[in-house]
Structure formats: structure tokens, C-alpha cells
Amino acid sequence: MDKETKSPLDLVTELLAVMTARAVEAERQRDEAQKSADEWYQNWQRKDAELKEAEAKLHAEIGEHQETRRQLREALNNQEGDQDHGKGNH
């Protein structure tokens, strides 16, 4: 049958089949996009947690280094003070 001899029922049936196929494909694409979005968000959450952990470690390291520097300055100042006292006593 060519298009000119198709009945209205055949045309409606054909169009419904095309629309159904498009709807099924659209739903599949939507599901894929949702899955991709969910995976991306989970990955982002994991990376964000890793970043926060690394930042906390960095801040702790910085604090330790600052304390070490303070102690070294204090020790150097004490050592210089001891040397100055030693010079004055001679």
C-alpha cells in the first residue's frame, strides 16, 4: 500500500507507533541523563569530602610549623640573651 491508499486508521496506527518509539527513546535518554547526573553528584561529594580532609590536614600542618617557628625564635632569643649575659660578666 502506498500513502495515497492508506486508510485513516492505518495512518493513525503508524503515527502512534512513531510517537511511542520517540517517547520510549526520550525516556531512555532521560534515565541516562539522570543516572549521569547522580554519578556526577556522588563523585563531586566524594571529591569535596577529600578536599575538606586535605584542607584540615594542611591547616594542622601550618599550625604545627608556626608553633615550631615560634619555639625556634624563642630558643634563638634565649640563646642570644644568654650570650649577651655571658659577655657582660667577663
PDB file of N, CA and C in Angstrom:
ATOM      1  N   MET A   1       0.838  -1.189   0.000  1.00  0.00           N
ATOM      2  CA  MET A   1       0.000   0.000   0.000  1.00  0.00           C
ATOM      3  C   MET A   1       0.881   1.250   0.000  1.00  0.00           C
ATOM      4  N   ASP A   2       0.623   2.195  -0.889  1.00  0.00           N
ATOM      5  CA  ASP A   2       1.335   3.449  -0.836  1.00  0.00           C
ATOM      6  C   ASP A   2       0.526   4.432  -0.007  1.00  0.00           C
ATOM      7  N   LYS A   3       1.080   5.612   0.213  1.00  0.00           N
ATOM      8  CA  LYS A   3       0.465   6.568   1.134  1.00  0.00           C
ATOM      9  C   LYS A   3      -0.937   6.986   0.697  1.00  0.00           C
ATOM     10  N   GLU A   4      -1.171   7.027  -0.571  1.00  0.00           N
ATOM     11  CA  GLU A   4      -2.464   7.503  -1.057  1.00  0.00           C
ATOM     12  C   GLU A   4      -3.581   6.501  -0.758  1.00  0.00           C
ATOM     13  N   THR A   5      -3.235   5.243  -0.592  1.00  0.00           N
ATOM     14  CA  THR A   5      -4.280   4.246  -0.388  1.00  0.00           C
ATOM     15  C   THR A   5      -4.390   3.811   1.074  1.00  0.00           C
ATOM     16  N   LYS A   6      -3.595   4.412   1.981  1.00  0.00           N
ATOM     17  CA  LYS A   6      -3.694   4.032   3.393  1.00  0.00           C
ATOM     18  C   LYS A   6      -4.971   4.590   3.995  1.00  0.00           C
ATOM     19  N   SER A   7      -5.576   3.788   4.810  1.00  0.00           N
ATOM     20  CA  SER A   7      -6.793   4.237   5.475  1.00  0.00           C
ATOM     21  C   SER A   7      -6.415   5.158   6.641  1.00  0.00           C
ATOM     22  N   PRO A   8      -7.352   5.965   7.088  1.00  0.00           N
ATOM     23  CA  PRO A   8      -7.085   6.823   8.241  1.00  0.00           C
ATOM     24  C   PRO A   8      -6.661   6.011   9.459  1.00  0.00           C
ATOM     25  N   LEU A   9      -7.202   4.850   9.647  1.00  0.00           N
ATOM     26  CA  LEU A   9      -6.837   4.001  10.772  1.00  0.00           C
ATOM     27  C   LEU A   9      -5.376   3.555  10.653  1.00  0.00           C
ATOM     28  N   ASP A  10      -4.947   3.211   9.434  1.00  0.00           N
ATOM     29  CA  ASP A  10      -3.544   2.829   9.216  1.00  0.00           C
ATOM     30  C   ASP A  10      -2.618   3.998   9.506  1.00  0.00           C
ATOM     31  N   LEU A  11      -3.009   5.191   9.076  1.00  0.00           N
ATOM     32  CA  LEU A  11      -2.188   6.380   9.331  1.00  0.00           C
ATOM     33  C   LEU A  11      -2.090   6.677  10.816  1.00  0.00           C
ATOM     34  N   VAL A  12      -3.203   6.604  11.520  1.00  0.00           N
ATOM     35  CA  VAL A  12      -3.204   6.853  12.962  1.00  0.00           C
ATOM     36  C   VAL A  12      -2.342   5.810  13.673  1.00  0.00           C
ATOM     37  N   THR A  13      -2.466   4.569  13.282  1.00  0.00           N
ATOM     38  CA  THR A  13      -1.683   3.491  13.879  1.00  0.00           C
ATOM     39  C   THR A  13      -0.195   3.723  13.647  1.00  0.00           C
ATOM     40  N   GLU A  14       0.159   4.111  12.431  1.00  0.00           N
ATOM     41  CA  GLU A  14       1.558   4.366  12.096  1.00  0.00           C
ATOM     42  C   GLU A  14       2.108   5.543  12.913  1.00  0.00           C
ATOM     43  N   LEU A  15       1.323   6.613  12.992  1.00  0.00           N
ATOM     44  CA  LEU A  15       1.756   7.782  13.763  1.00  0.00           C
ATOM     45  C   LEU A  15       1.883   7.462  15.248  1.00  0.00           C
ATOM     46  N   LEU A  16       0.949   6.674  15.778  1.00  0.00           N
ATOM     47  CA  LEU A  16       1.047   6.285  17.189  1.00  0.00           C
ATOM     48  C   LEU A  16       2.294   5.440  17.440  1.00  0.00           C
ATOM     49  N   ALA A  17       2.633   4.583  16.496  1.00  0.00           N
ATOM     50  CA  ALA A  17       3.841   3.760  16.640  1.00  0.00           C
ATOM     51  C   ALA A  17       5.082   4.644  16.646  1.00  0.00           C
ATOM     52  N   VAL A  18       5.124   5.643  15.769  1.00  0.00           N
ATOM     53  CA  VAL A  18       6.265   6.573  15.718  1.00  0.00           C
ATOM     54  C   VAL A  18       6.348   7.372  17.020  1.00  0.00           C
ATOM     55  N   MET A  19       5.212   7.865  17.494  1.00  0.00           N
ATOM     56  CA  MET A  19       5.187   8.645  18.729  1.00  0.00           C
ATOM     57  C   MET A  19       5.613   7.792  19.920  1.00  0.00           C
ATOM     58  N   THR A  20       5.170   6.557  19.954  1.00  0.00           N
ATOM     59  CA  THR A  20       5.550   5.651  21.040  1.00  0.00           C
ATOM     60  C   THR A  20       7.046   5.399  21.034  1.00  0.00           C
ATOM     61  N   ALA A  21       7.605   5.159  19.850  1.00  0.00           N
ATOM     62  CA  ALA A  21       9.046   4.926  19.743  1.00  0.00           C
ATOM     63  C   ALA A  21       9.820   6.152  20.203  1.00  0.00           C
ATOM     64  N   ARG A  22       9.347   7.337  19.821  1.00  0.00           N
ATOM     65  CA  ARG A  22      10.013   8.576  20.256  1.00  0.00           C
ATOM     66  C   ARG A  22       9.914   8.754  21.768  1.00  0.00           C
ATOM     67  N   ALA A  23       8.745   8.457  22.326  1.00  0.00           N
ATOM     68  CA  ALA A  23       8.558   8.582  23.773  1.00  0.00           C
ATOM     69  C   ALA A  23       9.466   7.616  24.534  1.00  0.00           C
ATOM     70  N   VAL A  24       9.566   6.387  24.041  1.00  0.00           N
ATOM     71  CA  VAL A  24      10.438   5.395  24.686  1.00  0.00           C
ATOM     72  C   VAL A  24      11.893   5.868  24.637  1.00  0.00           C
ATOM     73  N   GLU A  25      12.318   6.383  23.491  1.00  0.00           N
ATOM     74  CA  GLU A  25      13.689   6.885  23.342  1.00  0.00           C
ATOM     75  C   GLU A  25      13.922   8.089  24.253  1.00  0.00           C
ATOM     76  N   ALA A  26      12.955   8.973  24.340  1.00  0.00           N
ATOM     77  CA  ALA A  26      13.081  10.145  25.217  1.00  0.00           C
ATOM     78  C   ALA A  26      13.205   9.718  26.683  1.00  0.00           C
ATOM     79  N   GLU A  27      12.428   8.732  27.094  1.00  0.00           N
ATOM     80  CA  GLU A  27      12.515   8.224  28.465  1.00  0.00           C
ATOM     81  C   GLU A  27      13.872   7.579  28.723  1.00  0.00           C
ATOM     82  N   ARG A  28      14.402   6.838  27.737  1.00  0.00           N
ATOM     83  CA  ARG A  28      15.705   6.219  27.889  1.00  0.00           C
ATOM     84  C   ARG A  28      16.792   7.293  28.056  1.00  0.00           C
ATOM     85  N   GLN A  29      16.704   8.338  27.225  1.00  0.00           N
ATOM     86  CA  GLN A  29      17.677   9.419  27.322  1.00  0.00           C
ATOM     87  C   GLN A  29      17.569  10.151  28.657  1.00  0.00           C
ATOM     88  N   ARG A  30      16.334  10.341  29.122  1.00  0.00           N
ATOM     89  CA  ARG A  30      16.119  10.983  30.424  1.00  0.00           C
ATOM     90  C   ARG A  30      16.731  10.148  31.541  1.00  0.00           C
ATOM     91  N   ASP A  31      16.492   8.830  31.489  1.00  0.00           N
ATOM     92  CA  ASP A  31      17.041   7.943  32.513  1.00  0.00           C
ATOM     93  C   ASP A  31      18.571   7.954  32.498  1.00  0.00           C
ATOM     94  N   GLU A  32      19.156   7.965  31.301  1.00  0.00           N
ATOM     95  CA  GLU A  32      20.619   8.035  31.190  1.00  0.00           C
ATOM     96  C   GLU A  32      21.141   9.343  31.760  1.00  0.00           C
ATOM     97  N   ALA A  33      20.462  10.441  31.429  1.00  0.00           N
ATOM     98  CA  ALA A  33      20.881  11.754  31.932  1.00  0.00           C
ATOM     99  C   ALA A  33      20.773  11.799  33.456  1.00  0.00           C
ATOM    100  N   GLN A  34      19.714  11.227  34.012  1.00  0.00           N
ATOM    101  CA  GLN A  34      19.542  11.207  35.465  1.00  0.00           C
ATOM    102  C   GLN A  34      20.638  10.387  36.129  1.00  0.00           C
ATOM    103  N   LYS A  35      20.936   9.232  35.539  1.00  0.00           N
ATOM    104  CA  LYS A  35      21.991   8.378  36.081  1.00  0.00           C
ATOM    105  C   LYS A  35      23.331   9.107  36.032  1.00  0.00           C
ATOM    106  N   SER A  36      23.600   9.757  34.924  1.00  0.00           N
ATOM    107  CA  SER A  36      24.845  10.510  34.768  1.00  0.00           C
ATOM    108  C   SER A  36      24.925  11.635  35.800  1.00  0.00           C
ATOM    109  N   ALA A  37      23.813  12.330  35.996  1.00  0.00           N
ATOM    110  CA  ALA A  37      23.778  13.415  36.980  1.00  0.00           C
ATOM    111  C   ALA A  37      24.010  12.867  38.387  1.00  0.00           C
ATOM    112  N   ASP A  38      23.386  11.747  38.699  1.00  0.00           N
ATOM    113  CA  ASP A  38      23.567  11.139  40.019  1.00  0.00           C
ATOM    114  C   ASP A  38      25.021  10.722  40.231  1.00  0.00           C
ATOM    115  N   GLU A  39      25.626  10.120  39.216  1.00  0.00           N
ATOM    116  CA  GLU A  39      27.028   9.701  39.324  1.00  0.00           C
ATOM    117  C   GLU A  39      27.930  10.913  39.480  1.00  0.00           C
ATOM    118  N   TRP A  40      27.643  11.974  38.724  1.00  0.00           N
ATOM    119  CA  TRP A  40      28.448  13.188  38.824  1.00  0.00           C
ATOM    120  C   TRP A  40      28.350  13.758  40.233  1.00  0.00           C
ATOM    121  N   TYR A  41      27.136  13.826  40.782  1.00  0.00           N
ATOM    122  CA  TYR A  41      26.942  14.399  42.108  1.00  0.00           C
ATOM    123  C   TYR A  41      27.645  13.560  43.168  1.00  0.00           C
ATOM    124  N   GLN A  42      27.552  12.242  43.066  1.00  0.00           N
ATOM    125  CA  GLN A  42      28.253  11.384  44.023  1.00  0.00           C
ATOM    126  C   GLN A  42      29.757  11.588  43.931  1.00  0.00           C
ATOM    127  N   ASN A  43      30.267  11.702  42.707  1.00  0.00           N
ATOM    128  CA  ASN A  43      31.685  11.947  42.514  1.00  0.00           C
ATOM    129  C   ASN A  43      32.074  13.296  43.110  1.00  0.00           C
ATOM    130  N   TRP A  44      31.247  14.304  42.881  1.00  0.00           N
ATOM    131  CA  TRP A  44      31.522  15.635  43.436  1.00  0.00           C
ATOM    132  C   TRP A  44      31.535  15.585  44.962  1.00  0.00           C
ATOM    133  N   GLN A  45      30.570  14.890  45.561  1.00  0.00           N
ATOM    134  CA  GLN A  45      30.528  14.780  47.022  1.00  0.00           C
ATOM    135  C   GLN A  45      31.794  14.114  47.557  1.00  0.00           C
ATOM    136  N   ARG A  46      32.243  13.052  46.892  1.00  0.00           N
ATOM    137  CA  ARG A  46      33.448  12.354  47.327  1.00  0.00           C
ATOM    138  C   ARG A  46      34.662  13.279  47.232  1.00  0.00           C
ATOM    139  N   LYS A  47      34.786  13.979  46.101  1.00  0.00           N
ATOM    140  CA  LYS A  47      35.910  14.894  45.908  1.00  0.00           C
ATOM    141  C   LYS A  47      35.851  16.047  46.902  1.00  0.00           C
ATOM    142  N   ASP A  48      34.653  16.546  47.196  1.00  0.00           N
ATOM    143  CA  ASP A  48      34.506  17.632  48.158  1.00  0.00           C
ATOM    144  C   ASP A  48      34.938  17.174  49.550  1.00  0.00           C
ATOM    145  N   ALA A  49      34.581  15.961  49.939  1.00  0.00           N
ATOM    146  CA  ALA A  49      34.997  15.423  51.234  1.00  0.00           C
ATOM    147  C   ALA A  49      36.511  15.255  51.278  1.00  0.00           C
ATOM    148  N   GLU A  50      37.113  14.782  50.177  1.00  0.00           N
ATOM    149  CA  GLU A  50      38.570  14.640  50.124  1.00  0.00           C
ATOM    150  C   GLU A  50      39.247  16.004  50.249  1.00  0.00           C
ATOM    151  N   LEU A  51      38.680  17.006  49.597  1.00  0.00           N
ATOM    152  CA  LEU A  51      39.237  18.351  49.661  1.00  0.00           C
ATOM    153  C   LEU A  51      39.174  18.893  51.084  1.00  0.00           C
ATOM    154  N   LYS A  52      38.045  18.717  51.742  1.00  0.00           N
ATOM    155  CA  LYS A  52      37.904  19.213  53.114  1.00  0.00           C
ATOM    156  C   LYS A  52      38.886  18.513  54.047  1.00  0.00           C
ATOM    157  N   GLU A  53      39.087  17.222  53.841  1.00  0.00           N
ATOM    158  CA  GLU A  53      40.045  16.475  54.655  1.00  0.00           C
ATOM    159  C   GLU A  53      41.467  16.995  54.413  1.00  0.00           C
ATOM    160  N   ALA A  54      41.802  17.229  53.149  1.00  0.00           N
ATOM    161  CA  ALA A  54      43.133  17.741  52.814  1.00  0.00           C
ATOM    162  C   ALA A  54      43.334  19.143  53.389  1.00  0.00           C
ATOM    163  N   GLU A  55      42.298  19.976  53.334  1.00  0.00           N
ATOM    164  CA  GLU A  55      42.401  21.320  53.902  1.00  0.00           C
ATOM    165  C   GLU A  55      42.614  21.259  55.411  1.00  0.00           C
ATOM    166  N   ALA A  56      41.921  20.352  56.080  1.00  0.00           N
ATOM    167  CA  ALA A  56      42.085  20.213  57.526  1.00  0.00           C
ATOM    168  C   ALA A  56      43.512  19.775  57.864  1.00  0.00           C
ATOM    169  N   LYS A  57      44.051  18.831  57.089  1.00  0.00           N
ATOM    170  CA  LYS A  57      45.430  18.395  57.311  1.00  0.00           C
ATOM    171  C   LYS A  57      46.405  19.540  57.065  1.00  0.00           C
ATOM    172  N   LEU A  58      46.159  20.307  56.015  1.00  0.00           N
ATOM    173  CA  LEU A  58      47.027  21.436  55.697  1.00  0.00           C
ATOM    174  C   LEU A  58      47.011  22.461  56.824  1.00  0.00           C
ATOM    175  N   HIS A  59      45.832  22.784  57.324  1.00  0.00           N
ATOM    176  CA  HIS A  59      45.741  23.749  58.426  1.00  0.00           C
ATOM    177  C   HIS A  59      46.466  23.235  59.667  1.00  0.00           C
ATOM    178  N   ALA A  60      46.351  21.941  59.934  1.00  0.00           N
ATOM    179  CA  ALA A  60      47.058  21.357  61.076  1.00  0.00           C
ATOM    180  C   ALA A  60      48.566  21.454  60.866  1.00  0.00           C
ATOM    181  N   GLU A  61      49.032  21.156  59.663  1.00  0.00           N
ATOM    182  CA  GLU A  61      50.466  21.249  59.355  1.00  0.00           C
ATOM    183  C   GLU A  61      50.957  22.679  59.501  1.00  0.00           C
ATOM    184  N   ILE A  62      50.180  23.627  58.990  1.00  0.00           N
ATOM    185  CA  ILE A  62      50.562  25.037  59.102  1.00  0.00           C
ATOM    186  C   ILE A  62      50.663  25.429  60.573  1.00  0.00           C
ATOM    187  N   GLY A  63      49.695  25.003  61.361  1.00  0.00           N
ATOM    188  CA  GLY A  63      49.726  25.306  62.797  1.00  0.00           C
ATOM    189  C   GLY A  63      50.956  24.723  63.466  1.00  0.00           C
ATOM    190  N   GLU A  64      51.297  23.484  63.116  1.00  0.00           N
ATOM    191  CA  GLU A  64      52.493  22.856  63.698  1.00  0.00           C
ATOM    192  C   GLU A  64      53.754  23.602  63.289  1.00  0.00           C
ATOM    193  N   HIS A  65      53.841  24.008  62.030  1.00  0.00           N
ATOM    194  CA  HIS A  65      55.022  24.729  61.563  1.00  0.00           C
ATOM    195  C   HIS A  65      55.133  26.103  62.225  1.00  0.00           C
ATOM    196  N   GLN A  66      54.009  26.755  62.410  1.00  0.00           N
ATOM    197  CA  GLN A  66      54.039  28.055  63.086  1.00  0.00           C
ATOM    198  C   GLN A  66      54.494  27.902  64.535  1.00  0.00           C
ATOM    199  N   GLU A  67      54.034  26.850  65.190  1.00  0.00           N
ATOM    200  CA  GLU A  67      54.460  26.596  66.572  1.00  0.00           C
ATOM    201  C   GLU A  67      55.953  26.289  66.616  1.00  0.00           C
ATOM    202  N   THR A  68      56.433  25.497  65.661  1.00  0.00           N
ATOM    203  CA  THR A  68      57.864  25.183  65.604  1.00  0.00           C
ATOM    204  C   THR A  68      58.672  26.456  65.382  1.00  0.00           C
ATOM    205  N   ARG A  69      58.227  27.309  64.477  1.00  0.00           N
ATOM    206  CA  ARG A  69      58.933  28.579  64.228  1.00  0.00           C
ATOM    207  C   ARG A  69      58.964  29.437  65.485  1.00  0.00           C
ATOM    208  N   ARG A  70      57.825  29.480  66.198  1.00  0.00           N
ATOM    209  CA  ARG A  70      57.768  30.271  67.431  1.00  0.00           C
ATOM    210  C   ARG A  70      58.767  29.746  68.442  1.00  0.00           C
ATOM    211  N   GLN A  71      58.817  28.410  68.590  1.00  0.00           N
ATOM    212  CA  GLN A  71      59.739  27.806  69.538  1.00  0.00           C
ATOM    213  C   GLN A  71      61.195  28.055  69.139  1.00  0.00           C
ATOM    214  N   LEU A  72      61.481  27.975  67.838  1.00  0.00           N
ATOM    215  CA  LEU A  72      62.846  28.244  67.377  1.00  0.00           C
ATOM    216  C   LEU A  72      63.237  29.696  67.637  1.00  0.00           C
ATOM    217  N   ARG A  73      62.333  30.629  67.334  1.00  0.00           N
ATOM    218  CA  ARG A  73      62.635  32.040  67.622  1.00  0.00           C
ATOM    219  C   ARG A  73      62.886  32.254  69.105  1.00  0.00           C
ATOM    220  N   GLU A  74      62.044  31.638  69.907  1.00  0.00           N
ATOM    221  CA  GLU A  74      62.199  31.769  71.353  1.00  0.00           C
ATOM    222  C   GLU A  74      63.538  31.196  71.800  1.00  0.00           C
ATOM    223  N   ALA A  75      63.909  30.028  71.275  1.00  0.00           N
ATOM    224  CA  ALA A  75      65.190  29.411  71.633  1.00  0.00           C
ATOM    225  C   ALA A  75      66.354  30.284  71.172  1.00  0.00           C
ATOM    226  N   LEU A  76      66.257  30.837  69.959  1.00  0.00           N
ATOM    227  CA  LEU A  76      67.321  31.722  69.467  1.00  0.00           C
ATOM    228  C   LEU A  76      67.422  32.981  70.312  1.00  0.00           C
ATOM    229  N   ASN A  77      66.286  33.553  70.669  1.00  0.00           N
ATOM    230  CA  ASN A  77      66.297  34.748  71.514  1.00  0.00           C
ATOM    231  C   ASN A  77      66.906  34.439  72.876  1.00  0.00           C
ATOM    232  N   ASN A  78      66.563  33.286  73.436  1.00  0.00           N
ATOM    233  CA  ASN A  78      67.131  32.885  74.725  1.00  0.00           C
ATOM    234  C   ASN A  78      68.632  32.664  74.605  1.00  0.00           C
ATOM    235  N   GLN A  79      69.040  32.046  73.512  1.00  0.00           N
ATOM    236  CA  GLN A  79      70.465  31.778  73.300  1.00  0.00           C
ATOM    237  C   GLN A  79      71.229  33.095  73.147  1.00  0.00           C
ATOM    238  N   GLU A  80      70.656  34.024  72.384  1.00  0.00           N
ATOM    239  CA  GLU A  80      71.299  35.330  72.226  1.00  0.00           C
ATOM    240  C   GLU A  80      71.345  36.059  73.560  1.00  0.00           C
ATOM    241  N   GLY A  81      70.280  35.963  74.321  1.00  0.00           N
ATOM    242  CA  GLY A  81      70.242  36.602  75.640  1.00  0.00           C
ATOM    243  C   GLY A  81      71.284  36.000  76.564  1.00  0.00           C
ATOM    244  N   ASP A  82      71.455  34.670  76.521  1.00  0.00           N
ATOM    245  CA  ASP A  82      72.469  34.013  77.346  1.00  0.00           C
ATOM    246  C   ASP A  82      73.859  34.456  76.930  1.00  0.00           C
ATOM    247  N   GLN A  83      74.080  34.615  75.627  1.00  0.00           N
ATOM    248  CA  GLN A  83      75.401  35.049  75.154  1.00  0.00           C
ATOM    249  C   GLN A  83      75.658  36.487  75.570  1.00  0.00           C
ATOM    250  N   ASP A  84      74.650  37.336  75.511  1.00  0.00           N
ATOM    251  CA  ASP A  84      74.816  38.722  75.930  1.00  0.00           C
ATOM    252  C   ASP A  84      75.140  38.804  77.413  1.00  0.00           C
ATOM    253  N   HIS A  85      74.485  37.981  78.220  1.00  0.00           N
ATOM    254  CA  HIS A  85      74.762  37.961  79.653  1.00  0.00           C
ATOM    255  C   HIS A  85      76.162  37.463  79.928  1.00  0.00           C
ATOM    256  N   GLY A  86      76.593  36.510  79.147  1.00  0.00           N
ATOM    257  CA  GLY A  86      77.942  35.961  79.320  1.00  0.00           C
ATOM    258  C   GLY A  86      78.998  36.990  79.003  1.00  0.00           C
ATOM    259  N   LYS A  87      78.795  37.838  78.006  1.00  0.00           N
ATOM    260  CA  LYS A  87      79.747  38.872  77.611  1.00  0.00           C
ATOM    261  C   LYS A  87      79.830  39.942  78.695  1.00  0.00           C
ATOM    262  N   GLY A  88      78.711  40.282  79.284  1.00  0.00           N
ATOM    263  CA  GLY A  88      78.696  41.326  80.306  1.00  0.00           C
ATOM    264  C   GLY A  88      79.371  40.872  81.575  1.00  0.00           C
ATOM    265  N   ASN A  89      79.429  39.597  81.867  1.00  0.00           N
ATOM    266  CA  ASN A  89      80.007  39.101  83.097  1.00  0.00           C
ATOM    267  C   ASN A  89      81.518  39.028  83.019  1.00  0.00           C
ATOM    268  N   HIS A  90      82.116  39.007  81.798  1.00  0.00           N
ATOM    269  CA  HIS A  90      83.566  38.895  81.692  1.00  0.00           C
ATOM    270  C   HIS A  90      84.242  40.182  81.889  1.00  0.00           C
TER     271      HIS A  90
END
